[in-house]
Amino acid sequence: MVKFLLKIAADLQNLTNLQPPGGCDDPSFSYLFKLKCENCGEVSPRETCVSLGDTVPLPQGKGTTNLIQKCKLCSRDGTVTVIPGRGKPLTQEESEAENYAPLMLFECRGYEPIDYVFGGGWKVESLEGTKFEGVDLSGGDFAEYDEEGEYDVKISNLRSTFDVVK
């Protein structure tokens, strides 16, 4: 079993605290990424959807996981388990320093997550405190006008990485 920490980065203009709508441990937020089989190297043709709130029983033994998927090439089963408690919002300070913010931890058996896809449903707030909810990042950016602060706000240059953690 290997643990992968999904980390995100973006250029935030007059914005801070980019995160899923219910916070970083939102049970209904969907994570979309491709899976690479650790046995044969096959990469899933489409993104796989995993969320903290969706669980399935493990085929052997006790316990649950968030995803069980069979490799289409070698037919081996693999699992992905979402582990809450490690994420934090991407702040203006981290964005300016070009740092990545940890979003979610995944414990993977038989698979390696790759190619995270930003989707809809994010929330972010302006430096003046105006909240923007339901932000769709599937197009790669977001732009609005903050009437309270009287300035443009923008999210661009979205980036992500999966880092192996102990």
N, C-alpha and C. Protein backbone atom coordinates (compact mmCIF):
# COMPACT_ATOMS: atom_id res chain seq x y z
N MET A 1 0.85 -1.18 0.00
CA MET A 1 0.00 0.00 0.00
C MET A 1 0.89 1.24 0.00
N VAL A 2 0.54 2.17 -0.86
CA VAL A 2 1.28 3.41 -0.98
C VAL A 2 0.30 4.56 -0.77
N LYS A 3 0.75 5.57 -0.08
CA LYS A 3 -0.10 6.75 0.13
C LYS A 3 0.38 7.88 -0.77
N PHE A 4 -0.59 8.50 -1.45
CA PHE A 4 -0.32 9.61 -2.35
C PHE A 4 -1.06 10.84 -1.86
N LEU A 5 -0.33 11.94 -1.71
CA LEU A 5 -0.93 13.20 -1.27
C LEU A 5 -1.17 14.08 -2.50
N LEU A 6 -2.45 14.36 -2.77
CA LEU A 6 -2.80 15.26 -3.86
C LEU A 6 -2.56 16.69 -3.40
N LYS A 7 -1.72 17.41 -4.15
CA LYS A 7 -1.42 18.80 -3.82
C LYS A 7 -1.79 19.66 -5.02
N ILE A 8 -2.33 20.85 -4.74
CA ILE A 8 -2.75 21.75 -5.81
C ILE A 8 -2.05 23.10 -5.67
N ALA A 9 -1.94 23.78 -6.82
CA ALA A 9 -1.39 25.13 -6.85
C ALA A 9 -2.13 25.88 -7.95
N ALA A 10 -2.14 27.20 -7.83
CA ALA A 10 -2.78 28.06 -8.82
C ALA A 10 -2.32 29.48 -8.59
N ASP A 11 -2.50 30.30 -9.61
CA ASP A 11 -2.28 31.73 -9.45
C ASP A 11 -3.60 32.33 -8.99
N LEU A 12 -3.61 32.87 -7.76
CA LEU A 12 -4.81 33.50 -7.20
C LEU A 12 -4.63 35.01 -7.22
N GLN A 13 -5.51 35.69 -7.92
CA GLN A 13 -5.47 37.15 -7.98
C GLN A 13 -6.59 37.70 -7.10
N ASN A 14 -6.21 38.35 -6.00
CA ASN A 14 -7.15 38.93 -5.04
C ASN A 14 -8.08 37.89 -4.42
N LEU A 15 -7.64 36.64 -4.36
CA LEU A 15 -8.42 35.54 -3.79
C LEU A 15 -7.57 34.75 -2.80
N THR A 16 -8.26 34.00 -1.92
CA THR A 16 -7.59 33.12 -0.98
C THR A 16 -8.53 31.99 -0.59
N ASN A 17 -8.00 30.97 0.07
CA ASN A 17 -8.76 29.84 0.61
C ASN A 17 -9.54 29.05 -0.44
N LEU A 18 -8.86 28.66 -1.51
CA LEU A 18 -9.46 27.79 -2.52
C LEU A 18 -9.56 26.38 -1.95
N GLN A 19 -10.80 25.81 -1.97
CA GLN A 19 -11.03 24.50 -1.38
C GLN A 19 -12.38 23.94 -1.84
N PRO A 20 -12.63 22.64 -1.58
CA PRO A 20 -13.95 22.08 -1.88
C PRO A 20 -15.04 22.80 -1.08
N PRO A 21 -16.31 22.68 -1.49
CA PRO A 21 -17.38 23.46 -0.86
C PRO A 21 -17.57 23.22 0.63
N GLY A 22 -17.38 22.00 1.10
CA GLY A 22 -17.54 21.70 2.52
C GLY A 22 -16.22 21.63 3.25
N GLY A 23 -15.17 22.26 2.70
CA GLY A 23 -13.84 22.19 3.28
C GLY A 23 -13.07 21.03 2.67
N CYS A 24 -11.84 20.87 3.08
CA CYS A 24 -10.97 19.87 2.46
C CYS A 24 -11.41 18.43 2.73
N ASP A 25 -12.20 18.21 3.77
CA ASP A 25 -12.69 16.86 4.08
C ASP A 25 -14.16 16.69 3.69
N ASP A 26 -14.63 17.44 2.71
CA ASP A 26 -16.01 17.38 2.24
C ASP A 26 -16.32 15.96 1.74
N PRO A 27 -17.28 15.24 2.39
CA PRO A 27 -17.56 13.86 1.99
C PRO A 27 -18.22 13.73 0.61
N SER A 28 -18.81 14.79 0.10
CA SER A 28 -19.50 14.69 -1.19
C SER A 28 -18.67 15.22 -2.37
N PHE A 29 -17.48 15.76 -2.10
CA PHE A 29 -16.66 16.30 -3.17
C PHE A 29 -16.03 15.15 -3.97
N SER A 30 -16.11 15.23 -5.29
CA SER A 30 -15.58 14.19 -6.16
C SER A 30 -14.19 14.54 -6.66
N TYR A 31 -13.29 13.58 -6.53
CA TYR A 31 -11.93 13.71 -7.05
C TYR A 31 -11.86 12.90 -8.34
N LEU A 32 -11.40 13.53 -9.42
CA LEU A 32 -11.30 12.87 -10.71
C LEU A 32 -9.84 12.76 -11.12
N PHE A 33 -9.40 11.55 -11.42
CA PHE A 33 -8.04 11.34 -11.89
C PHE A 33 -7.96 9.99 -12.59
N LYS A 34 -6.90 9.82 -13.35
CA LYS A 34 -6.67 8.53 -14.00
C LYS A 34 -5.88 7.64 -13.06
N LEU A 35 -5.99 6.32 -13.30
CA LEU A 35 -5.27 5.35 -12.49
C LEU A 35 -4.31 4.56 -13.36
N LYS A 36 -3.09 4.37 -12.85
CA LYS A 36 -2.08 3.58 -13.55
C LYS A 36 -1.90 2.28 -12.77
N CYS A 37 -2.08 1.14 -13.44
CA CYS A 37 -1.93 -0.17 -12.81
C CYS A 37 -0.47 -0.38 -12.44
N GLU A 38 -0.22 -0.74 -11.18
CA GLU A 38 1.15 -0.97 -10.74
C GLU A 38 1.67 -2.32 -11.22
N ASN A 39 0.79 -3.20 -11.68
CA ASN A 39 1.21 -4.52 -12.16
C ASN A 39 1.67 -4.46 -13.62
N CYS A 40 0.84 -3.88 -14.51
CA CYS A 40 1.16 -3.92 -15.94
C CYS A 40 1.44 -2.54 -16.55
N GLY A 41 1.17 -1.47 -15.80
CA GLY A 41 1.44 -0.12 -16.29
C GLY A 41 0.33 0.50 -17.12
N GLU A 42 -0.78 -0.23 -17.31
CA GLU A 42 -1.91 0.29 -18.08
C GLU A 42 -2.51 1.51 -17.38
N VAL A 43 -2.82 2.56 -18.16
CA VAL A 43 -3.46 3.76 -17.63
C VAL A 43 -4.92 3.73 -18.04
N SER A 44 -5.80 4.00 -17.07
CA SER A 44 -7.24 4.00 -17.37
C SER A 44 -7.54 5.02 -18.46
N PRO A 45 -8.38 4.66 -19.43
CA PRO A 45 -8.66 5.58 -20.54
C PRO A 45 -9.45 6.81 -20.11
N ARG A 46 -10.26 6.68 -19.08
CA ARG A 46 -11.05 7.79 -18.57
C ARG A 46 -10.71 8.05 -17.11
N GLU A 47 -11.11 9.23 -16.64
CA GLU A 47 -10.88 9.56 -15.24
C GLU A 47 -11.80 8.70 -14.36
N THR A 48 -11.29 8.38 -13.19
CA THR A 48 -12.04 7.67 -12.17
C THR A 48 -12.51 8.67 -11.13
N CYS A 49 -13.72 8.49 -10.63
CA CYS A 49 -14.30 9.40 -9.65
C CYS A 49 -14.27 8.73 -8.27
N VAL A 50 -13.69 9.43 -7.30
CA VAL A 50 -13.61 8.92 -5.93
C VAL A 50 -14.06 10.03 -4.99
N SER A 51 -14.89 9.67 -4.00
CA SER A 51 -15.26 10.66 -2.98
C SER A 51 -15.24 10.00 -1.60
N LEU A 52 -15.00 10.80 -0.61
CA LEU A 52 -14.88 10.33 0.77
C LEU A 52 -16.17 9.67 1.26
N GLY A 53 -17.31 10.17 0.81
CA GLY A 53 -18.60 9.67 1.29
C GLY A 53 -19.07 8.38 0.65
N ASP A 54 -18.45 7.95 -0.44
CA ASP A 54 -18.85 6.71 -1.11
C ASP A 54 -17.91 5.58 -0.68
N THR A 55 -18.47 4.56 -0.02
CA THR A 55 -17.64 3.44 0.42
C THR A 55 -18.21 2.12 -0.08
N VAL A 56 -17.32 1.16 -0.25
CA VAL A 56 -17.70 -0.20 -0.63
C VAL A 56 -16.93 -1.16 0.26
N PRO A 57 -17.51 -2.35 0.56
CA PRO A 57 -16.79 -3.30 1.40
C PRO A 57 -15.61 -3.92 0.65
N LEU A 58 -14.54 -4.20 1.37
CA LEU A 58 -13.39 -4.87 0.78
C LEU A 58 -13.77 -6.32 0.46
N PRO A 59 -13.27 -6.87 -0.67
CA PRO A 59 -13.64 -8.24 -1.04
C PRO A 59 -13.15 -9.29 -0.05
N GLN A 60 -11.96 -9.10 0.52
CA GLN A 60 -11.45 -10.01 1.54
C GLN A 60 -11.25 -9.25 2.83
N GLY A 61 -11.62 -9.87 3.91
CA GLY A 61 -11.41 -9.26 5.21
C GLY A 61 -12.49 -8.26 5.56
N LYS A 62 -12.22 -7.55 6.63
CA LYS A 62 -13.17 -6.56 7.10
C LYS A 62 -12.73 -5.17 6.66
N GLY A 63 -13.65 -4.26 6.69
CA GLY A 63 -13.32 -2.89 6.37
C GLY A 63 -13.94 -2.44 5.06
N THR A 64 -13.71 -1.17 4.76
CA THR A 64 -14.27 -0.58 3.55
C THR A 64 -13.18 0.21 2.83
N THR A 65 -13.48 0.55 1.60
CA THR A 65 -12.61 1.40 0.80
C THR A 65 -13.52 2.31 0.00
N ASN A 66 -12.96 3.24 -0.73
CA ASN A 66 -13.78 4.17 -1.51
C ASN A 66 -13.91 3.77 -2.97
N LEU A 67 -13.00 2.88 -3.44
CA LEU A 67 -13.07 2.43 -4.83
C LEU A 67 -12.37 1.09 -4.98
N ILE A 68 -13.03 0.16 -5.68
CA ILE A 68 -12.39 -1.08 -6.11
C ILE A 68 -12.54 -1.09 -7.63
N GLN A 69 -11.42 -1.25 -8.33
CA GLN A 69 -11.47 -1.23 -9.79
C GLN A 69 -10.55 -2.32 -10.34
N LYS A 70 -11.02 -2.99 -11.38
CA LYS A 70 -10.25 -4.04 -12.04
C LYS A 70 -9.53 -3.45 -13.24
N CYS A 71 -8.24 -3.76 -13.39
CA CYS A 71 -7.48 -3.31 -14.55
C CYS A 71 -8.02 -4.01 -15.80
N LYS A 72 -8.27 -3.24 -16.84
CA LYS A 72 -8.83 -3.81 -18.07
C LYS A 72 -7.82 -4.68 -18.82
N LEU A 73 -6.52 -4.46 -18.58
CA LEU A 73 -5.50 -5.22 -19.30
C LEU A 73 -5.11 -6.51 -18.58
N CYS A 74 -4.77 -6.43 -17.30
CA CYS A 74 -4.28 -7.63 -16.58
C CYS A 74 -5.31 -8.22 -15.62
N SER A 75 -6.46 -7.57 -15.47
CA SER A 75 -7.58 -8.05 -14.63
C SER A 75 -7.29 -8.08 -13.14
N ARG A 76 -6.25 -7.40 -12.68
CA ARG A 76 -5.97 -7.32 -11.24
C ARG A 76 -6.86 -6.27 -10.60
N ASP A 77 -7.33 -6.56 -9.40
CA ASP A 77 -8.11 -5.58 -8.63
C ASP A 77 -7.17 -4.63 -7.92
N GLY A 78 -7.60 -3.38 -7.82
CA GLY A 78 -6.89 -2.38 -7.05
C GLY A 78 -7.89 -1.57 -6.25
N THR A 79 -7.43 -0.94 -5.19
CA THR A 79 -8.32 -0.12 -4.36
C THR A 79 -7.73 1.27 -4.16
N VAL A 80 -8.64 2.22 -3.93
CA VAL A 80 -8.26 3.57 -3.56
C VAL A 80 -9.10 3.94 -2.33
N THR A 81 -8.43 4.32 -1.26
CA THR A 81 -9.10 4.73 -0.03
C THR A 81 -8.74 6.19 0.25
N VAL A 82 -9.77 7.00 0.48
CA VAL A 82 -9.57 8.41 0.77
C VAL A 82 -9.35 8.57 2.27
N ILE A 83 -8.29 9.27 2.65
CA ILE A 83 -7.95 9.46 4.06
C ILE A 83 -8.04 10.95 4.40
N PRO A 84 -9.07 11.35 5.16
CA PRO A 84 -9.24 12.78 5.49
C PRO A 84 -8.25 13.26 6.54
N GLY A 85 -8.22 14.58 6.70
CA GLY A 85 -7.44 15.19 7.78
C GLY A 85 -6.09 15.75 7.38
N ARG A 86 -5.71 15.68 6.11
CA ARG A 86 -4.40 16.18 5.71
C ARG A 86 -4.47 17.43 4.83
N GLY A 87 -5.67 17.78 4.37
CA GLY A 87 -5.80 18.90 3.44
C GLY A 87 -5.94 20.24 4.11
N LYS A 88 -5.60 21.28 3.34
CA LYS A 88 -5.82 22.65 3.80
C LYS A 88 -6.04 23.53 2.56
N PRO A 89 -6.78 24.62 2.71
CA PRO A 89 -7.07 25.49 1.56
C PRO A 89 -5.80 26.10 0.96
N LEU A 90 -5.85 26.37 -0.34
CA LEU A 90 -4.77 27.10 -1.00
C LEU A 90 -4.97 28.58 -0.71
N THR A 91 -3.99 29.20 -0.07
CA THR A 91 -4.10 30.61 0.33
C THR A 91 -3.39 31.52 -0.66
N GLN A 92 -3.67 32.79 -0.53
CA GLN A 92 -3.00 33.81 -1.34
C GLN A 92 -1.49 33.76 -1.13
N GLU A 93 -1.07 33.58 0.13
CA GLU A 93 0.35 33.55 0.45
C GLU A 93 1.05 32.37 -0.23
N GLU A 94 0.43 31.21 -0.19
CA GLU A 94 1.02 30.03 -0.82
C GLU A 94 1.05 30.19 -2.34
N SER A 95 0.02 30.81 -2.88
CA SER A 95 -0.04 31.06 -4.32
C SER A 95 1.10 31.98 -4.76
N GLU A 96 1.28 33.07 -4.02
CA GLU A 96 2.35 34.03 -4.35
C GLU A 96 3.74 33.39 -4.25
N ALA A 97 3.90 32.47 -3.30
CA ALA A 97 5.19 31.79 -3.13
C ALA A 97 5.33 30.60 -4.10
N GLU A 98 4.30 30.39 -4.92
CA GLU A 98 4.26 29.28 -5.88
C GLU A 98 4.37 27.92 -5.18
N ASN A 99 3.81 27.83 -3.98
CA ASN A 99 3.78 26.58 -3.23
C ASN A 99 2.52 25.79 -3.55
N TYR A 100 2.61 24.49 -3.34
CA TYR A 100 1.44 23.61 -3.47
C TYR A 100 0.80 23.44 -2.10
N ALA A 101 -0.53 23.37 -2.06
CA ALA A 101 -1.26 23.12 -0.82
C ALA A 101 -1.77 21.68 -0.85
N PRO A 102 -1.63 20.94 0.26
CA PRO A 102 -2.16 19.57 0.31
C PRO A 102 -3.68 19.60 0.29
N LEU A 103 -4.28 18.75 -0.53
CA LEU A 103 -5.75 18.72 -0.63
C LEU A 103 -6.33 17.45 -0.02
N MET A 104 -5.83 16.27 -0.44
CA MET A 104 -6.38 15.01 0.08
C MET A 104 -5.33 13.91 -0.04
N LEU A 105 -5.41 12.96 0.89
CA LEU A 105 -4.51 11.82 0.92
C LEU A 105 -5.26 10.58 0.43
N PHE A 106 -4.60 9.80 -0.44
CA PHE A 106 -5.19 8.58 -0.99
C PHE A 106 -4.27 7.41 -0.69
N GLU A 107 -4.84 6.34 -0.13
CA GLU A 107 -4.09 5.10 0.06
C GLU A 107 -4.45 4.18 -1.09
N CYS A 108 -3.45 3.79 -1.87
CA CYS A 108 -3.70 3.02 -3.08
C CYS A 108 -3.03 1.65 -3.00
N ARG A 109 -3.77 0.64 -3.41
CA ARG A 109 -3.24 -0.72 -3.51
C ARG A 109 -3.45 -1.18 -4.95
N GLY A 110 -2.34 -1.38 -5.66
CA GLY A 110 -2.42 -1.86 -7.02
C GLY A 110 -2.53 -0.77 -8.07
N TYR A 111 -2.71 0.46 -7.64
CA TYR A 111 -2.84 1.58 -8.57
C TYR A 111 -2.03 2.77 -8.12
N GLU A 112 -1.70 3.63 -9.07
CA GLU A 112 -1.08 4.92 -8.79
C GLU A 112 -1.97 5.99 -9.42
N PRO A 113 -2.40 6.99 -8.66
CA PRO A 113 -3.22 8.05 -9.24
C PRO A 113 -2.35 9.01 -10.06
N ILE A 114 -2.85 9.41 -11.23
CA ILE A 114 -2.14 10.36 -12.09
C ILE A 114 -3.16 11.30 -12.72
N ASP A 115 -2.70 12.42 -13.24
CA ASP A 115 -3.52 13.34 -14.04
C ASP A 115 -4.81 13.79 -13.35
N TYR A 116 -4.69 14.45 -12.20
CA TYR A 116 -5.86 14.99 -11.53
C TYR A 116 -6.57 16.01 -12.43
N VAL A 117 -7.91 15.97 -12.41
CA VAL A 117 -8.72 16.86 -13.23
C VAL A 117 -9.51 17.80 -12.32
N PHE A 118 -9.31 19.11 -12.48
CA PHE A 118 -10.09 20.08 -11.73
C PHE A 118 -11.49 20.13 -12.33
N GLY A 119 -12.50 20.11 -11.48
CA GLY A 119 -13.89 20.15 -11.93
C GLY A 119 -14.63 21.32 -11.31
N GLY A 120 -15.92 21.16 -11.15
CA GLY A 120 -16.76 22.21 -10.59
C GLY A 120 -16.96 22.04 -9.10
N GLY A 121 -17.63 23.02 -8.50
CA GLY A 121 -18.03 22.93 -7.10
C GLY A 121 -17.03 23.46 -6.08
N TRP A 122 -16.04 24.22 -6.49
CA TRP A 122 -15.06 24.76 -5.54
C TRP A 122 -15.60 26.02 -4.87
N LYS A 123 -14.98 26.40 -3.76
CA LYS A 123 -15.29 27.69 -3.15
C LYS A 123 -13.99 28.43 -2.89
N VAL A 124 -14.08 29.75 -2.93
CA VAL A 124 -12.92 30.60 -2.72
C VAL A 124 -13.46 31.93 -2.20
N GLU A 125 -12.62 32.72 -1.56
CA GLU A 125 -13.08 34.02 -1.09
C GLU A 125 -12.10 35.11 -1.49
N SER A 126 -12.65 36.31 -1.65
CA SER A 126 -11.80 37.44 -2.02
C SER A 126 -11.05 37.91 -0.78
N LEU A 127 -10.06 38.76 -0.99
CA LEU A 127 -9.30 39.29 0.13
C LEU A 127 -10.15 40.19 1.01
N GLU A 128 -11.28 40.66 0.47
CA GLU A 128 -12.23 41.47 1.24
C GLU A 128 -13.26 40.61 1.97
N GLY A 129 -13.25 39.29 1.69
CA GLY A 129 -14.18 38.38 2.38
C GLY A 129 -15.39 37.96 1.57
N THR A 130 -15.54 38.43 0.33
CA THR A 130 -16.65 38.00 -0.51
C THR A 130 -16.46 36.53 -0.87
N LYS A 131 -17.52 35.73 -0.66
CA LYS A 131 -17.43 34.30 -0.93
C LYS A 131 -17.96 33.98 -2.32
N PHE A 132 -17.20 33.16 -3.05
CA PHE A 132 -17.61 32.66 -4.36
C PHE A 132 -17.76 31.16 -4.22
N GLU A 133 -18.99 30.66 -4.45
CA GLU A 133 -19.26 29.24 -4.30
C GLU A 133 -19.67 28.64 -5.64
N GLY A 134 -19.50 27.33 -5.77
CA GLY A 134 -19.84 26.66 -7.01
C GLY A 134 -18.91 27.02 -8.15
N VAL A 135 -17.68 27.35 -7.82
CA VAL A 135 -16.70 27.78 -8.82
C VAL A 135 -16.31 26.59 -9.71
N ASP A 136 -16.47 26.74 -11.01
CA ASP A 136 -16.14 25.69 -11.97
C ASP A 136 -14.74 25.91 -12.52
N LEU A 137 -13.84 24.99 -12.20
CA LEU A 137 -12.45 25.10 -12.67
C LEU A 137 -12.16 24.14 -13.82
N SER A 138 -13.20 23.51 -14.36
CA SER A 138 -12.98 22.53 -15.43
C SER A 138 -12.44 23.18 -16.70
N GLY A 139 -12.66 24.47 -16.87
CA GLY A 139 -12.13 25.18 -18.04
C GLY A 139 -10.71 25.67 -17.84
N GLY A 140 -10.15 25.46 -16.64
CA GLY A 140 -8.77 25.83 -16.40
C GLY A 140 -8.58 27.17 -15.72
N ASP A 141 -9.66 27.96 -15.59
CA ASP A 141 -9.54 29.24 -14.90
C ASP A 141 -10.91 29.73 -14.43
N PHE A 142 -10.90 30.84 -13.69
CA PHE A 142 -12.12 31.46 -13.15
C PHE A 142 -11.85 32.95 -13.05
N ALA A 143 -12.80 33.75 -13.50
CA ALA A 143 -12.66 35.21 -13.41
C ALA A 143 -14.00 35.82 -13.02
N GLU A 144 -13.98 36.76 -12.12
CA GLU A 144 -15.18 37.46 -11.64
C GLU A 144 -14.79 38.87 -11.22
N TYR A 145 -15.80 39.59 -10.73
CA TYR A 145 -15.56 40.93 -10.19
C TYR A 145 -16.10 40.96 -8.76
N ASP A 146 -15.27 41.43 -7.82
CA ASP A 146 -15.69 41.55 -6.43
C ASP A 146 -16.22 42.96 -6.22
N GLU A 147 -17.54 43.06 -6.05
CA GLU A 147 -18.16 44.37 -5.90
C GLU A 147 -17.79 45.05 -4.59
N GLU A 148 -17.63 44.23 -3.53
CA GLU A 148 -17.24 44.81 -2.23
C GLU A 148 -15.85 45.43 -2.30
N GLY A 149 -14.91 44.69 -2.83
CA GLY A 149 -13.54 45.18 -2.91
C GLY A 149 -13.29 46.04 -4.13
N GLU A 150 -14.24 46.03 -5.07
CA GLU A 150 -14.14 46.80 -6.32
C GLU A 150 -12.88 46.46 -7.10
N TYR A 151 -12.67 45.15 -7.30
CA TYR A 151 -11.54 44.72 -8.11
C TYR A 151 -11.85 43.37 -8.77
N ASP A 152 -11.06 43.07 -9.81
CA ASP A 152 -11.18 41.79 -10.49
C ASP A 152 -10.55 40.70 -9.63
N VAL A 153 -11.15 39.50 -9.70
CA VAL A 153 -10.57 38.34 -9.04
C VAL A 153 -10.38 37.25 -10.11
N LYS A 154 -9.36 36.44 -9.92
CA LYS A 154 -9.07 35.45 -10.95
C LYS A 154 -8.30 34.27 -10.39
N ILE A 155 -8.60 33.07 -10.93
CA ILE A 155 -7.84 31.85 -10.67
C ILE A 155 -7.33 31.39 -12.02
N SER A 156 -6.03 31.16 -12.12
CA SER A 156 -5.44 30.69 -13.38
C SER A 156 -4.24 29.79 -13.09
N ASN A 157 -3.70 29.21 -14.14
CA ASN A 157 -2.49 28.38 -14.04
C ASN A 157 -2.65 27.26 -13.01
N LEU A 158 -3.76 26.53 -13.10
CA LEU A 158 -4.02 25.42 -12.18
C LEU A 158 -2.99 24.31 -12.38
N ARG A 159 -2.48 23.78 -11.26
CA ARG A 159 -1.50 22.72 -11.31
C ARG A 159 -1.79 21.73 -10.18
N SER A 160 -1.39 20.48 -10.39
CA SER A 160 -1.56 19.48 -9.33
C SER A 160 -0.43 18.46 -9.42
N THR A 161 -0.22 17.78 -8.30
CA THR A 161 0.78 16.72 -8.26
C THR A 161 0.35 15.70 -7.20
N PHE A 162 0.73 14.46 -7.42
CA PHE A 162 0.54 13.41 -6.42
C PHE A 162 1.92 13.07 -5.86
N ASP A 163 2.14 13.32 -4.58
CA ASP A 163 3.42 13.03 -3.94
C ASP A 163 3.28 11.80 -3.06
N VAL A 164 4.24 10.89 -3.14
CA VAL A 164 4.25 9.72 -2.27
C VAL A 164 4.64 10.18 -0.87
N VAL A 165 3.87 9.74 0.13
CA VAL A 165 4.16 10.09 1.53
C VAL A 165 4.24 8.81 2.37
N LYS A 166 4.96 8.89 3.44
CA LYS A 166 5.12 7.74 4.34
C LYS A 166 3.98 7.70 5.33
